[in-house]
Protein backbone atom coordinates (compact mmCIF):
# COMPACT_ATOMS: atom_id res chain seq x y z
CA MET A 1 72.11 -97.13 28.38
CA LEU A 2 74.60 -97.85 31.11
CA ARG A 3 77.64 -95.83 32.06
CA ILE A 4 80.62 -97.71 33.48
CA ARG A 5 81.99 -96.56 36.82
CA ASN A 6 84.19 -93.45 36.77
CA GLY A 7 87.90 -94.11 36.70
CA GLY A 8 87.57 -97.06 34.32
CA SER A 9 90.29 -97.69 31.79
CA TRP A 10 90.03 -98.65 28.14
CA GLU A 11 91.00 -102.15 29.27
CA ASP A 12 87.97 -102.19 31.62
CA ILE A 13 85.79 -101.02 28.75
CA GLN A 14 87.12 -103.70 26.38
CA GLN A 15 86.55 -106.39 29.01
CA GLU A 16 82.94 -105.26 29.41
CA VAL A 17 82.47 -105.15 25.63
CA ALA A 18 83.85 -108.69 25.35
CA ARG A 19 81.55 -109.87 28.16
CA ARG A 20 78.48 -108.34 26.50
CA LEU A 21 79.36 -109.74 23.09
CA ALA A 22 79.90 -113.20 24.58
CA ALA A 23 76.55 -112.96 26.37
CA THR A 24 74.80 -112.52 23.01
CA ASP A 25 76.77 -115.11 21.02
CA ARG A 26 74.22 -117.82 21.77
CA TYR A 27 71.53 -115.95 19.84
CA TYR A 28 73.54 -116.59 16.66
CA LEU A 29 73.77 -120.34 17.11
CA PRO A 30 71.84 -122.21 14.42
CA ASP A 31 69.67 -124.02 16.97
CA PHE A 32 68.62 -120.87 18.88
CA PRO A 33 65.04 -119.99 17.85
CA LEU A 34 65.64 -116.25 17.44
CA ASP A 35 62.71 -114.36 15.98
CA PRO A 36 64.06 -112.96 12.68
CA ALA A 37 62.52 -109.58 13.52
CA CYS A 38 64.98 -109.29 16.43
CA ARG A 39 68.07 -109.85 14.32
CA PRO A 40 68.58 -106.27 13.02
CA ALA A 41 68.40 -104.74 16.51
CA LEU A 42 70.75 -107.40 17.88
CA ASP A 43 73.19 -106.83 15.01
CA ALA A 44 73.11 -103.07 15.67
CA TYR A 45 73.66 -103.61 19.41
CA ARG A 46 76.71 -105.76 18.79
CA GLN A 47 78.13 -103.33 16.22
CA THR A 48 77.67 -100.45 18.66
CA LEU A 49 79.62 -102.43 21.25
CA ARG A 50 82.42 -103.08 18.76
CA ASN A 51 82.60 -99.35 17.91
CA ILE A 52 82.72 -98.06 21.50
CA ASN A 53 86.45 -97.33 21.47
CA ARG A 54 85.98 -95.26 18.29
CA THR A 55 82.81 -93.53 19.47
CA PHE A 56 84.04 -92.09 22.76
CA GLU A 57 87.22 -90.12 23.42
CA SER A 58 87.58 -91.14 27.06
CA PRO A 59 86.60 -94.24 29.04
CA ASP A 60 84.75 -91.93 31.44
CA GLU A 61 82.40 -90.89 28.61
CA VAL A 62 81.41 -94.42 27.58
CA VAL A 63 77.72 -95.25 27.70
CA PHE A 64 76.85 -98.84 26.89
CA PRO A 65 73.85 -99.57 24.67
CA THR A 66 70.83 -101.35 26.06
CA LEU A 67 70.39 -104.96 25.02
CA PRO A 68 67.41 -105.14 22.66
CA GLU A 69 64.45 -107.35 23.41
CA ILE A 70 65.12 -110.93 22.39
CA LYS A 71 62.12 -112.95 21.26
CA LYS A 72 62.10 -116.62 20.43
CA VAL A 73 60.14 -118.03 17.52
CA ARG A 74 57.16 -119.93 18.82
CA ASN A 75 57.19 -123.61 18.02
CA ALA A 76 54.37 -124.26 15.56
CA ASP A 77 54.09 -127.82 16.89
CA ALA A 78 53.42 -126.73 20.49
């Protein structure tokens, strides 16, 4: 978990949420070899990010979730 610097605004929080969501978008592309076992944790991480503004009453209270471990499916042909 990561707490954003004190004095942050909801706008700062939303920018960080958007950045973190964008950083995980590639794992949902059809050609990314995401291990299916990682999908539920990644889905939960992204949903937690989306819910941050409803979970915390103040930007100073916000604690960001930790990105789950991302594993790639091993290529059977390798």
